Amino acid sequence: MSESVPDTEPEASPSIDYTTTGTVRLVNAVFYGHHGVMEEEHRIGGRYEVDVSVGLDFEDAALHDDLDRTVNYEQVYEFVRQLVTENNFYLIEKLAYRIAHKVLDTYPDLEGVEVTVRKPDPPVGGTCDRAEATYTIDDPGT
C-alpha cells in the first residue's frame, strides 16, 4: 500500500476570465441560552439552534489550501457560542443580528452573511416545532 503525499503545489487557474463565488456554512450549531420575552425563559433558559452561511470567493484559499484566505468556521462557531451563551436577549432577531454583524466585522470582505436562529418548542400557548428568525446582509461592500 502506498502512502499519500500531501499536495503542496497550488492548482493552476484556467486562463479563462471568470468570476467565482462560494459559500461556507455552519449548520445547526446547538447551545443552551437564556433568551426570550418571558421572565421564565431568562431564568430557566432553553435550547437554541443556529445556522451561519457566508458568501465569499474562496478560490484562492482552495488553490493554496490556506485557511488564512477563507473564513475560519471554528472561529465563527466561537462567536456564535459566546453570543448565545453569554448574553440575555428578548428577541432571537437580536441574536441573529448580532451574530451576523460580528462575522462581518471580523471578515469585512464577505459577499454576504445569513444567520438563522431557531428556538425549538417556543412558548406560544400550543404545539409549535420551532420559532426562527433569519437575518441577511447582502453585498455589504456596496
N, C-alpha and C. Protein backbone atom coordinates (compact mmCIF):
# COMPACT_ATOMS: atom_id res chain seq x y z
N MET A 1 0.85 -1.19 0.00
CA MET A 1 0.00 0.00 0.00
C MET A 1 0.89 1.24 0.00
N SER A 2 0.66 2.16 -0.89
CA SER A 2 1.48 3.36 -0.97
C SER A 2 0.93 4.45 -0.06
N GLU A 3 1.85 5.28 0.43
CA GLU A 3 1.46 6.39 1.29
C GLU A 3 1.03 7.58 0.46
N SER A 4 0.09 8.33 0.99
CA SER A 4 -0.37 9.53 0.32
C SER A 4 0.60 10.67 0.58
N VAL A 5 0.93 11.40 -0.46
CA VAL A 5 1.82 12.55 -0.34
C VAL A 5 0.97 13.80 -0.42
N PRO A 6 1.13 14.72 0.57
CA PRO A 6 0.31 15.92 0.54
C PRO A 6 0.57 16.75 -0.71
N ASP A 7 -0.48 17.35 -1.22
CA ASP A 7 -0.40 18.22 -2.39
C ASP A 7 0.02 19.60 -1.90
N THR A 8 1.26 20.00 -2.18
CA THR A 8 1.75 21.29 -1.70
C THR A 8 1.76 22.36 -2.77
N GLU A 9 1.55 21.98 -4.01
CA GLU A 9 1.54 22.93 -5.11
C GLU A 9 0.12 23.44 -5.37
N PRO A 10 -0.04 24.75 -5.54
CA PRO A 10 -1.38 25.23 -5.90
C PRO A 10 -1.76 24.75 -7.29
N GLU A 11 -3.03 24.50 -7.47
CA GLU A 11 -3.52 24.11 -8.78
C GLU A 11 -3.48 25.32 -9.70
N ALA A 12 -3.28 25.06 -10.95
CA ALA A 12 -3.25 26.15 -11.93
C ALA A 12 -4.67 26.64 -12.18
N SER A 13 -4.83 27.95 -12.22
CA SER A 13 -6.12 28.53 -12.58
C SER A 13 -6.25 28.51 -14.08
N PRO A 14 -7.42 28.22 -14.58
CA PRO A 14 -7.61 28.30 -16.03
C PRO A 14 -7.36 29.72 -16.52
N SER A 15 -6.96 29.85 -17.76
CA SER A 15 -6.67 31.17 -18.31
C SER A 15 -7.95 31.92 -18.68
N ILE A 16 -9.10 31.27 -18.52
CA ILE A 16 -10.39 31.90 -18.83
C ILE A 16 -10.70 32.92 -17.74
N ASP A 17 -11.17 34.09 -18.15
CA ASP A 17 -11.57 35.12 -17.20
C ASP A 17 -12.98 34.80 -16.71
N TYR A 18 -13.14 34.60 -15.42
CA TYR A 18 -14.44 34.28 -14.85
C TYR A 18 -14.52 34.79 -13.43
N THR A 19 -15.70 34.81 -12.90
CA THR A 19 -15.93 35.21 -11.53
C THR A 19 -16.35 33.97 -10.75
N THR A 20 -15.80 33.83 -9.56
CA THR A 20 -16.16 32.69 -8.72
C THR A 20 -16.79 33.17 -7.42
N THR A 21 -17.56 32.31 -6.84
CA THR A 21 -18.14 32.58 -5.54
C THR A 21 -18.32 31.26 -4.82
N GLY A 22 -18.40 31.31 -3.52
CA GLY A 22 -18.59 30.10 -2.74
C GLY A 22 -19.38 30.42 -1.48
N THR A 23 -19.72 29.37 -0.77
CA THR A 23 -20.46 29.50 0.47
C THR A 23 -19.84 28.60 1.52
N VAL A 24 -19.63 29.13 2.70
CA VAL A 24 -19.18 28.35 3.85
C VAL A 24 -20.30 28.42 4.87
N ARG A 25 -20.71 27.25 5.40
CA ARG A 25 -21.84 27.21 6.33
C ARG A 25 -21.51 26.45 7.61
N LEU A 26 -22.08 26.92 8.69
CA LEU A 26 -22.24 26.13 9.91
C LEU A 26 -23.71 25.80 9.97
N VAL A 27 -24.05 24.55 10.17
CA VAL A 27 -25.44 24.14 10.15
C VAL A 27 -25.81 23.50 11.49
N ASN A 28 -26.81 24.10 12.12
CA ASN A 28 -27.40 23.58 13.35
C ASN A 28 -26.41 23.48 14.51
N ALA A 29 -25.69 24.55 14.76
CA ALA A 29 -24.88 24.64 15.97
C ALA A 29 -25.85 24.81 17.15
N VAL A 30 -25.71 24.00 18.18
CA VAL A 30 -26.70 23.95 19.26
C VAL A 30 -26.07 24.42 20.57
N PHE A 31 -26.81 25.30 21.27
CA PHE A 31 -26.34 25.87 22.53
C PHE A 31 -27.51 26.01 23.50
N TYR A 32 -27.18 26.20 24.75
CA TYR A 32 -28.18 26.47 25.78
C TYR A 32 -28.03 27.95 26.14
N GLY A 33 -29.13 28.68 26.03
CA GLY A 33 -29.10 30.11 26.31
C GLY A 33 -30.32 30.57 27.05
N HIS A 34 -30.33 31.86 27.39
CA HIS A 34 -31.40 32.46 28.20
C HIS A 34 -31.97 33.68 27.46
N HIS A 35 -32.78 33.42 26.45
CA HIS A 35 -33.35 34.47 25.63
C HIS A 35 -34.86 34.31 25.56
N GLY A 36 -35.55 35.42 25.44
CA GLY A 36 -37.00 35.37 25.30
C GLY A 36 -37.65 36.54 25.99
N VAL A 37 -38.91 36.73 25.68
CA VAL A 37 -39.67 37.84 26.24
C VAL A 37 -40.15 37.50 27.66
N MET A 38 -40.43 36.23 27.89
CA MET A 38 -40.96 35.82 29.19
C MET A 38 -39.84 35.69 30.22
N GLU A 39 -40.12 36.15 31.45
CA GLU A 39 -39.14 36.10 32.53
C GLU A 39 -38.63 34.67 32.75
N GLU A 40 -39.52 33.70 32.64
CA GLU A 40 -39.15 32.30 32.84
C GLU A 40 -38.08 31.84 31.83
N GLU A 41 -38.14 32.35 30.61
CA GLU A 41 -37.15 31.99 29.60
C GLU A 41 -35.76 32.48 29.99
N HIS A 42 -35.70 33.64 30.62
CA HIS A 42 -34.42 34.16 31.08
C HIS A 42 -33.91 33.37 32.28
N ARG A 43 -34.82 32.94 33.13
CA ARG A 43 -34.45 32.22 34.34
C ARG A 43 -34.05 30.77 34.04
N ILE A 44 -34.89 30.05 33.31
CA ILE A 44 -34.67 28.63 33.06
C ILE A 44 -33.78 28.40 31.84
N GLY A 45 -33.96 29.18 30.79
CA GLY A 45 -33.18 29.01 29.58
C GLY A 45 -33.74 27.93 28.69
N GLY A 46 -33.07 27.71 27.58
CA GLY A 46 -33.51 26.69 26.64
C GLY A 46 -32.51 26.48 25.53
N ARG A 47 -32.87 25.58 24.65
CA ARG A 47 -32.01 25.19 23.53
C ARG A 47 -32.19 26.19 22.38
N TYR A 48 -31.08 26.54 21.76
CA TYR A 48 -31.07 27.41 20.58
C TYR A 48 -30.21 26.76 19.51
N GLU A 49 -30.70 26.81 18.28
CA GLU A 49 -30.00 26.24 17.14
C GLU A 49 -29.68 27.37 16.17
N VAL A 50 -28.46 27.37 15.64
CA VAL A 50 -28.01 28.48 14.80
C VAL A 50 -27.35 27.95 13.53
N ASP A 51 -27.74 28.56 12.40
CA ASP A 51 -27.07 28.34 11.12
C ASP A 51 -26.41 29.65 10.72
N VAL A 52 -25.19 29.56 10.20
CA VAL A 52 -24.49 30.73 9.68
C VAL A 52 -23.99 30.37 8.28
N SER A 53 -24.32 31.20 7.32
CA SER A 53 -23.88 31.00 5.94
C SER A 53 -23.19 32.27 5.48
N VAL A 54 -21.98 32.12 4.95
CA VAL A 54 -21.25 33.29 4.45
C VAL A 54 -20.89 33.06 2.99
N GLY A 55 -21.06 34.11 2.21
CA GLY A 55 -20.69 34.07 0.81
C GLY A 55 -19.35 34.73 0.61
N LEU A 56 -18.48 34.08 -0.13
CA LEU A 56 -17.16 34.64 -0.40
C LEU A 56 -16.54 33.89 -1.58
N ASP A 57 -15.56 34.52 -2.17
CA ASP A 57 -14.78 33.85 -3.21
C ASP A 57 -13.63 33.16 -2.51
N PHE A 58 -13.70 31.84 -2.38
CA PHE A 58 -12.63 31.12 -1.70
C PHE A 58 -11.71 30.36 -2.66
N GLU A 59 -11.71 30.77 -3.92
CA GLU A 59 -10.85 30.10 -4.90
C GLU A 59 -9.38 30.18 -4.49
N ASP A 60 -8.92 31.34 -4.04
CA ASP A 60 -7.52 31.49 -3.64
C ASP A 60 -7.20 30.56 -2.46
N ALA A 61 -8.11 30.46 -1.50
CA ALA A 61 -7.91 29.55 -0.37
C ALA A 61 -7.82 28.11 -0.85
N ALA A 62 -8.69 27.75 -1.79
CA ALA A 62 -8.70 26.38 -2.31
C ALA A 62 -7.42 26.09 -3.11
N LEU A 63 -7.01 27.04 -3.94
CA LEU A 63 -5.80 26.83 -4.74
C LEU A 63 -4.56 26.63 -3.87
N HIS A 64 -4.49 27.37 -2.77
CA HIS A 64 -3.31 27.33 -1.90
C HIS A 64 -3.53 26.47 -0.65
N ASP A 65 -4.75 25.94 -0.49
CA ASP A 65 -5.08 25.12 0.69
C ASP A 65 -4.71 25.87 1.97
N ASP A 66 -5.19 27.13 2.06
CA ASP A 66 -4.75 28.06 3.10
C ASP A 66 -5.94 28.63 3.87
N LEU A 67 -6.04 28.28 5.13
CA LEU A 67 -7.13 28.74 5.99
C LEU A 67 -7.17 30.26 6.12
N ASP A 68 -6.01 30.91 6.05
CA ASP A 68 -5.98 32.36 6.20
C ASP A 68 -6.63 33.10 5.02
N ARG A 69 -6.98 32.39 3.96
CA ARG A 69 -7.58 33.00 2.78
C ARG A 69 -9.08 32.72 2.67
N THR A 70 -9.66 32.27 3.77
CA THR A 70 -11.10 31.97 3.80
C THR A 70 -11.64 32.30 5.18
N VAL A 71 -12.84 31.88 5.45
CA VAL A 71 -13.48 32.07 6.76
C VAL A 71 -13.17 30.86 7.62
N ASN A 72 -12.68 31.12 8.82
CA ASN A 72 -12.40 30.05 9.78
C ASN A 72 -13.69 29.72 10.51
N TYR A 73 -14.36 28.63 10.13
CA TYR A 73 -15.66 28.34 10.72
C TYR A 73 -15.56 27.93 12.18
N GLU A 74 -14.38 27.52 12.65
CA GLU A 74 -14.20 27.29 14.09
C GLU A 74 -14.31 28.61 14.85
N GLN A 75 -13.74 29.66 14.29
CA GLN A 75 -13.83 30.99 14.89
C GLN A 75 -15.27 31.50 14.86
N VAL A 76 -15.96 31.27 13.75
CA VAL A 76 -17.37 31.67 13.65
C VAL A 76 -18.20 30.93 14.70
N TYR A 77 -17.96 29.64 14.86
CA TYR A 77 -18.66 28.86 15.88
C TYR A 77 -18.45 29.47 17.27
N GLU A 78 -17.24 29.90 17.55
CA GLU A 78 -16.95 30.50 18.86
C GLU A 78 -17.70 31.83 19.03
N PHE A 79 -17.80 32.64 17.97
CA PHE A 79 -18.60 33.87 18.05
C PHE A 79 -20.04 33.53 18.42
N VAL A 80 -20.58 32.53 17.75
CA VAL A 80 -21.97 32.13 17.99
C VAL A 80 -22.12 31.64 19.42
N ARG A 81 -21.22 30.77 19.83
CA ARG A 81 -21.29 30.23 21.20
C ARG A 81 -21.30 31.35 22.25
N GLN A 82 -20.40 32.29 22.10
CA GLN A 82 -20.32 33.39 23.05
C GLN A 82 -21.59 34.23 23.05
N LEU A 83 -22.07 34.58 21.88
CA LEU A 83 -23.26 35.43 21.80
C LEU A 83 -24.50 34.72 22.35
N VAL A 84 -24.64 33.42 22.10
CA VAL A 84 -25.82 32.69 22.58
C VAL A 84 -25.73 32.44 24.08
N THR A 85 -24.58 32.04 24.56
CA THR A 85 -24.47 31.59 25.96
C THR A 85 -24.12 32.69 26.96
N GLU A 86 -23.57 33.80 26.50
CA GLU A 86 -23.10 34.82 27.43
C GLU A 86 -23.95 36.09 27.41
N ASN A 87 -25.10 36.04 26.76
CA ASN A 87 -26.00 37.20 26.69
C ASN A 87 -27.42 36.76 26.99
N ASN A 88 -28.25 37.72 27.34
CA ASN A 88 -29.69 37.50 27.52
C ASN A 88 -30.42 38.55 26.68
N PHE A 89 -31.02 38.11 25.59
CA PHE A 89 -31.79 39.00 24.73
C PHE A 89 -33.26 38.63 24.80
N TYR A 90 -34.12 39.59 24.57
CA TYR A 90 -35.54 39.31 24.48
C TYR A 90 -35.87 38.60 23.16
N LEU A 91 -35.20 39.01 22.09
CA LEU A 91 -35.58 38.55 20.76
C LEU A 91 -34.49 37.71 20.10
N ILE A 92 -34.92 36.63 19.43
CA ILE A 92 -33.97 35.86 18.63
C ILE A 92 -33.53 36.67 17.42
N GLU A 93 -34.32 37.65 17.04
CA GLU A 93 -33.95 38.56 15.95
C GLU A 93 -32.67 39.32 16.31
N LYS A 94 -32.57 39.75 17.56
CA LYS A 94 -31.38 40.48 18.00
C LYS A 94 -30.18 39.55 18.00
N LEU A 95 -30.37 38.33 18.41
CA LEU A 95 -29.29 37.36 18.42
C LEU A 95 -28.78 37.12 16.99
N ALA A 96 -29.68 36.93 16.04
CA ALA A 96 -29.29 36.73 14.64
C ALA A 96 -28.54 37.96 14.11
N TYR A 97 -29.05 39.14 14.43
CA TYR A 97 -28.44 40.40 14.00
C TYR A 97 -27.01 40.54 14.54
N ARG A 98 -26.86 40.28 15.83
CA ARG A 98 -25.54 40.42 16.47
C ARG A 98 -24.53 39.42 15.90
N ILE A 99 -24.96 38.19 15.67
CA ILE A 99 -24.06 37.18 15.10
C ILE A 99 -23.61 37.61 13.71
N ALA A 100 -24.56 38.03 12.87
CA ALA A 100 -24.23 38.43 11.50
C ALA A 100 -23.23 39.59 11.48
N HIS A 101 -23.45 40.57 12.32
CA HIS A 101 -22.55 41.72 12.34
C HIS A 101 -21.19 41.38 12.92
N LYS A 102 -21.11 40.49 13.88
CA LYS A 102 -19.82 40.05 14.41
C LYS A 102 -19.02 39.34 13.33
N VAL A 103 -19.67 38.47 12.57
CA VAL A 103 -18.99 37.77 11.48
C VAL A 103 -18.51 38.76 10.43
N LEU A 104 -19.37 39.69 10.04
CA LEU A 104 -19.00 40.68 9.03
C LEU A 104 -17.90 41.62 9.53
N ASP A 105 -17.94 42.00 10.80
CA ASP A 105 -16.88 42.85 11.35
C ASP A 105 -15.52 42.14 11.31
N THR A 106 -15.54 40.83 11.52
CA THR A 106 -14.31 40.05 11.53
C THR A 106 -13.81 39.74 10.12
N TYR A 107 -14.75 39.54 9.20
CA TYR A 107 -14.43 39.21 7.81
C TYR A 107 -15.10 40.23 6.88
N PRO A 108 -14.55 41.45 6.78
CA PRO A 108 -15.22 42.52 6.04
C PRO A 108 -15.31 42.31 4.53
N ASP A 109 -14.56 41.38 3.98
CA ASP A 109 -14.58 41.16 2.53
C ASP A 109 -15.64 40.16 2.09
N LEU A 110 -16.49 39.73 2.98
CA LEU A 110 -17.53 38.77 2.62
C LEU A 110 -18.50 39.37 1.62
N GLU A 111 -19.07 38.50 0.79
CA GLU A 111 -20.09 38.93 -0.18
C GLU A 111 -21.48 38.92 0.44
N GLY A 112 -21.61 38.29 1.60
CA GLY A 112 -22.89 38.25 2.28
C GLY A 112 -22.84 37.34 3.49
N VAL A 113 -23.78 37.55 4.38
CA VAL A 113 -23.90 36.74 5.60
C VAL A 113 -25.39 36.48 5.82
N GLU A 114 -25.71 35.25 6.20
CA GLU A 114 -27.08 34.93 6.58
C GLU A 114 -27.03 34.10 7.85
N VAL A 115 -27.81 34.50 8.83
CA VAL A 115 -27.86 33.82 10.12
C VAL A 115 -29.31 33.47 10.43
N THR A 116 -29.53 32.22 10.79
CA THR A 116 -30.84 31.78 11.26
C THR A 116 -30.70 31.28 12.69
N VAL A 117 -31.54 31.79 13.57
CA VAL A 117 -31.60 31.34 14.96
C VAL A 117 -32.95 30.68 15.17
N ARG A 118 -32.92 29.45 15.69
CA ARG A 118 -34.14 28.70 15.97
C ARG A 118 -34.29 28.46 17.46
N LYS A 119 -35.53 28.56 17.91
CA LYS A 119 -35.88 28.23 19.29
C LYS A 119 -36.88 27.08 19.21
N PRO A 120 -36.45 25.84 19.51
CA PRO A 120 -37.38 24.71 19.48
C PRO A 120 -38.45 24.84 20.58
N ASP A 121 -39.63 24.36 20.28
CA ASP A 121 -40.74 24.34 21.25
C ASP A 121 -40.95 25.68 21.94
N PRO A 122 -41.16 26.75 21.19
CA PRO A 122 -41.32 28.06 21.82
C PRO A 122 -42.62 28.13 22.63
N PRO A 123 -42.63 28.95 23.67
CA PRO A 123 -43.83 29.08 24.50
C PRO A 123 -44.87 29.97 23.81
N VAL A 124 -45.69 29.35 22.95
CA VAL A 124 -46.68 30.11 22.20
C VAL A 124 -48.12 29.74 22.57
N GLY A 125 -48.27 28.93 23.61
CA GLY A 125 -49.61 28.56 24.04
C GLY A 125 -50.20 27.36 23.33
N GLY A 126 -49.37 26.66 22.58
CA GLY A 126 -49.82 25.47 21.86
C GLY A 126 -48.64 24.77 21.23
N THR A 127 -48.94 23.77 20.44
CA THR A 127 -47.88 22.99 19.79
C THR A 127 -47.26 23.77 18.66
N CYS A 128 -45.92 23.83 18.68
CA CYS A 128 -45.17 24.52 17.64
C CYS A 128 -43.76 23.94 17.64
N ASP A 129 -43.29 23.45 16.51
CA ASP A 129 -41.96 22.85 16.45
C ASP A 129 -40.86 23.83 16.81
N ARG A 130 -40.94 25.03 16.23
CA ARG A 130 -39.87 26.00 16.48
C ARG A 130 -40.29 27.39 16.02
N ALA A 131 -39.63 28.36 16.60
CA ALA A 131 -39.69 29.74 16.09
C ALA A 131 -38.30 30.02 15.53
N GLU A 132 -38.25 30.77 14.44
CA GLU A 132 -36.93 31.09 13.90
C GLU A 132 -36.92 32.48 13.29
N ALA A 133 -35.74 33.06 13.32
CA ALA A 133 -35.52 34.37 12.71
C ALA A 133 -34.29 34.27 11.83
N THR A 134 -34.38 34.78 10.61
CA THR A 134 -33.26 34.79 9.69
C THR A 134 -32.92 36.24 9.35
N TYR A 135 -31.65 36.57 9.47
CA TYR A 135 -31.16 37.92 9.18
C TYR A 135 -30.10 37.79 8.09
N THR A 136 -30.24 38.61 7.04
CA THR A 136 -29.36 38.51 5.89
C THR A 136 -28.74 39.88 5.58
N ILE A 137 -27.44 39.86 5.32
CA ILE A 137 -26.74 41.04 4.81
C ILE A 137 -26.20 40.65 3.45
N ASP A 138 -26.74 41.27 2.39
CA ASP A 138 -26.30 41.01 1.01
C ASP A 138 -25.35 42.10 0.56
N ASP A 139 -24.30 41.70 -0.13
CA ASP A 139 -23.36 42.65 -0.72
C ASP A 139 -23.01 43.80 0.22
N PRO A 140 -22.38 43.51 1.37
CA PRO A 140 -22.09 44.55 2.34
C PRO A 140 -21.16 45.65 1.84
N GLY A 141 -20.37 45.36 0.81
CA GLY A 141 -19.43 46.36 0.30
C GLY A 141 -20.06 47.35 -0.65
N THR A 142 -21.34 47.14 -1.01
CA THR A 142 -21.95 48.04 -1.98
C THR A 142 -22.85 49.04 -1.31
